[in-house]
Amino acid sequence: MNSIFWLIVLTILILIEIMTLGITTIWFAGGALVAFIVSLFFDNLFLEIIIFLVISFPLLYFTRPIILRYFHSGNRRSKYEGVIGKEATVLAMIDNSNTVGQVDVEGQEWSARSLEGDIIEQGCKVTVKGISGAKLTVVKI
């Protein structure tokens, strides 16, 4: 009976999705589930494969982008972007012309450069305005 085949396919697809978290095989698992249900009533492998494909590909094409947008929304800041807007203390003088400068942001040391190009002395308080490469861009408070 084809029902066992579709249960095996469904299980394999769910396991792949759990291992990869790629939000791709889950849609094919949905198609396999519908094909399994159909196989309980009809013993026609060709029909079941067509239903599997007709369900899986539209699910993948139409719903995956929506789900990805929801889970990977641009509104979430990365760990590094989270320092933007924070106050920092200058650990080593910031001088863009000599490409030196270190700041402390919540216990993390960062290389820094001045947004306005001015020299900022050690011990001064600054605000993080952005990140350029691996360096924070700061302005004196």
Protein backbone atom coordinates (compact mmCIF):
# COMPACT_ATOMS: atom_id res chain seq x y z
CA MET A 1 0.00 0.00 0.00
CA ASN A 2 1.24 3.49 -0.85
CA SER A 3 0.32 4.87 2.56
CA ILE A 4 3.47 3.46 4.15
CA PHE A 5 5.58 5.01 1.39
CA TRP A 6 4.10 8.47 2.03
CA LEU A 7 4.57 8.13 5.79
CA ILE A 8 8.24 7.29 5.23
CA VAL A 9 8.64 10.25 2.85
CA LEU A 10 6.85 12.52 5.34
CA THR A 11 9.09 11.38 8.20
CA ILE A 12 12.29 11.81 6.18
CA LEU A 13 11.27 15.31 5.04
CA ILE A 14 10.41 16.39 8.58
CA LEU A 15 13.74 15.04 9.87
CA ILE A 16 15.62 16.91 7.14
CA GLU A 17 13.78 20.11 8.05
CA ILE A 18 14.59 19.67 11.73
CA MET A 19 18.27 19.12 10.96
CA THR A 20 18.67 21.95 8.45
CA LEU A 21 16.05 24.53 9.52
CA GLY A 22 16.10 25.75 5.92
CA ILE A 23 12.33 26.16 5.72
CA THR A 24 12.31 24.28 2.43
CA THR A 25 11.52 20.62 2.97
CA ILE A 26 8.64 21.42 5.29
CA TRP A 27 6.53 22.38 2.27
CA PHE A 28 7.25 19.02 0.65
CA ALA A 29 6.32 17.38 3.95
CA GLY A 30 2.97 19.14 3.62
CA GLY A 31 2.59 17.68 0.13
CA ALA A 32 3.55 14.24 1.44
CA LEU A 33 0.94 14.55 4.20
CA VAL A 34 -1.81 15.34 1.70
CA ALA A 35 -0.60 12.51 -0.57
CA PHE A 36 -0.70 10.17 2.44
CA ILE A 37 -4.30 11.17 3.19
CA VAL A 38 -5.26 10.64 -0.45
CA SER A 39 -3.53 7.23 -0.42
CA LEU A 40 -5.87 6.12 2.38
CA PHE A 41 -8.83 6.51 0.01
CA PHE A 42 -7.33 5.83 -3.42
CA ASP A 43 -4.66 3.32 -4.39
CA ASN A 44 -3.26 5.27 -7.33
CA LEU A 45 0.43 6.20 -7.03
CA PHE A 46 0.31 8.45 -10.11
CA LEU A 47 -2.54 10.50 -8.61
CA GLU A 48 -0.71 10.70 -5.27
CA ILE A 49 2.50 11.94 -6.91
CA ILE A 50 0.56 14.59 -8.85
CA ILE A 51 -1.16 15.73 -5.65
CA PHE A 52 2.20 15.76 -3.83
CA LEU A 53 3.67 18.04 -6.50
CA VAL A 54 0.57 20.22 -6.87
CA ILE A 55 0.54 20.86 -3.11
CA SER A 56 4.31 21.10 -2.44
CA PHE A 57 5.46 23.54 -5.11
CA PRO A 58 2.77 26.19 -4.61
CA LEU A 59 3.34 25.99 -0.83
CA LEU A 60 7.06 26.46 -1.40
CA TYR A 61 6.64 29.25 -3.94
CA PHE A 62 3.92 31.30 -2.24
CA THR A 63 4.37 30.78 1.49
CA ARG A 64 8.14 30.36 1.98
CA PRO A 65 8.94 34.05 1.22
CA ILE A 66 6.28 35.16 3.70
CA ILE A 67 7.62 32.86 6.42
CA LEU A 68 11.22 33.91 5.74
CA ARG A 69 10.24 37.56 5.97
CA TYR A 70 8.55 36.87 9.29
CA PHE A 71 11.44 34.91 10.80
CA HIS A 72 14.27 36.90 9.23
CA SER A 73 12.77 40.34 9.45
CA GLY A 74 15.05 43.27 8.80
CA ASN A 75 13.70 44.93 11.94
CA ARG A 76 15.85 42.75 14.12
CA ARG A 77 19.29 44.09 14.86
CA SER A 78 22.30 41.86 14.72
CA LYS A 79 24.53 41.56 17.75
CA TYR A 80 26.84 44.18 16.28
CA GLU A 81 24.16 46.62 15.16
CA GLY A 82 22.85 46.57 18.73
CA VAL A 83 25.69 48.88 19.85
CA ILE A 84 24.50 51.72 17.61
CA GLY A 85 23.14 54.51 19.76
CA LYS A 86 24.91 53.25 22.89
CA GLU A 87 27.22 55.35 25.03
CA ALA A 88 30.88 54.35 25.11
CA THR A 89 34.05 55.35 26.93
CA VAL A 90 37.22 56.10 24.97
CA LEU A 91 39.97 53.71 26.10
CA ALA A 92 42.65 54.93 23.68
CA MET A 93 42.66 58.32 21.98
CA ILE A 94 40.69 58.38 18.72
CA ASP A 95 42.63 59.95 15.87
CA ASN A 96 41.41 59.16 12.35
CA SER A 97 44.56 60.47 10.66
CA ASN A 98 46.69 57.95 12.58
CA THR A 99 43.97 55.28 12.44
CA VAL A 100 43.98 54.72 16.19
CA GLY A 101 41.23 54.60 18.75
CA GLN A 102 39.56 52.17 21.15
CA VAL A 103 36.25 52.42 22.97
CA ASP A 104 34.44 50.34 25.55
CA VAL A 105 30.76 49.66 24.90
CA GLU A 106 29.09 47.73 27.73
CA GLY A 107 32.30 45.85 28.53
CA GLN A 108 33.24 45.15 24.91
CA GLU A 109 36.32 46.76 23.39
CA TRP A 110 35.99 48.09 19.86
CA SER A 111 38.24 49.91 17.44
CA ALA A 112 36.76 53.31 16.77
CA ARG A 113 36.99 56.35 14.55
CA SER A 114 35.48 59.78 14.88
CA LEU A 115 32.51 60.54 12.65
CA GLU A 116 33.48 64.22 12.40
CA GLY A 117 37.23 63.56 12.14
CA ASP A 118 38.14 65.30 15.38
CA ILE A 119 40.55 63.87 17.94
CA ILE A 120 38.79 62.46 21.00
CA GLU A 121 40.87 62.04 24.15
CA GLN A 122 41.00 58.97 26.39
CA GLY A 123 38.29 58.92 29.05
CA CYS A 124 35.78 60.97 27.04
CA LYS A 125 32.23 59.76 26.60
CA VAL A 126 31.02 59.14 23.05
CA THR A 127 27.89 57.90 21.31
CA VAL A 128 28.09 55.13 18.72
CA LYS A 129 26.62 56.37 15.44
CA GLY A 130 27.44 53.46 13.16
CA ILE A 131 29.70 50.60 12.18
CA SER A 132 32.15 50.75 9.30
CA GLY A 133 33.79 47.39 8.72
CA ALA A 134 35.05 46.32 12.14
CA LYS A 135 35.23 49.86 13.57
CA LEU A 136 32.62 51.87 15.36
CA THR A 137 31.94 55.39 14.19
CA VAL A 138 31.45 57.66 17.21
CA VAL A 139 30.78 61.28 18.15
CA LYS A 140 31.81 63.03 21.34
CA ILE A 141 28.99 63.68 23.81
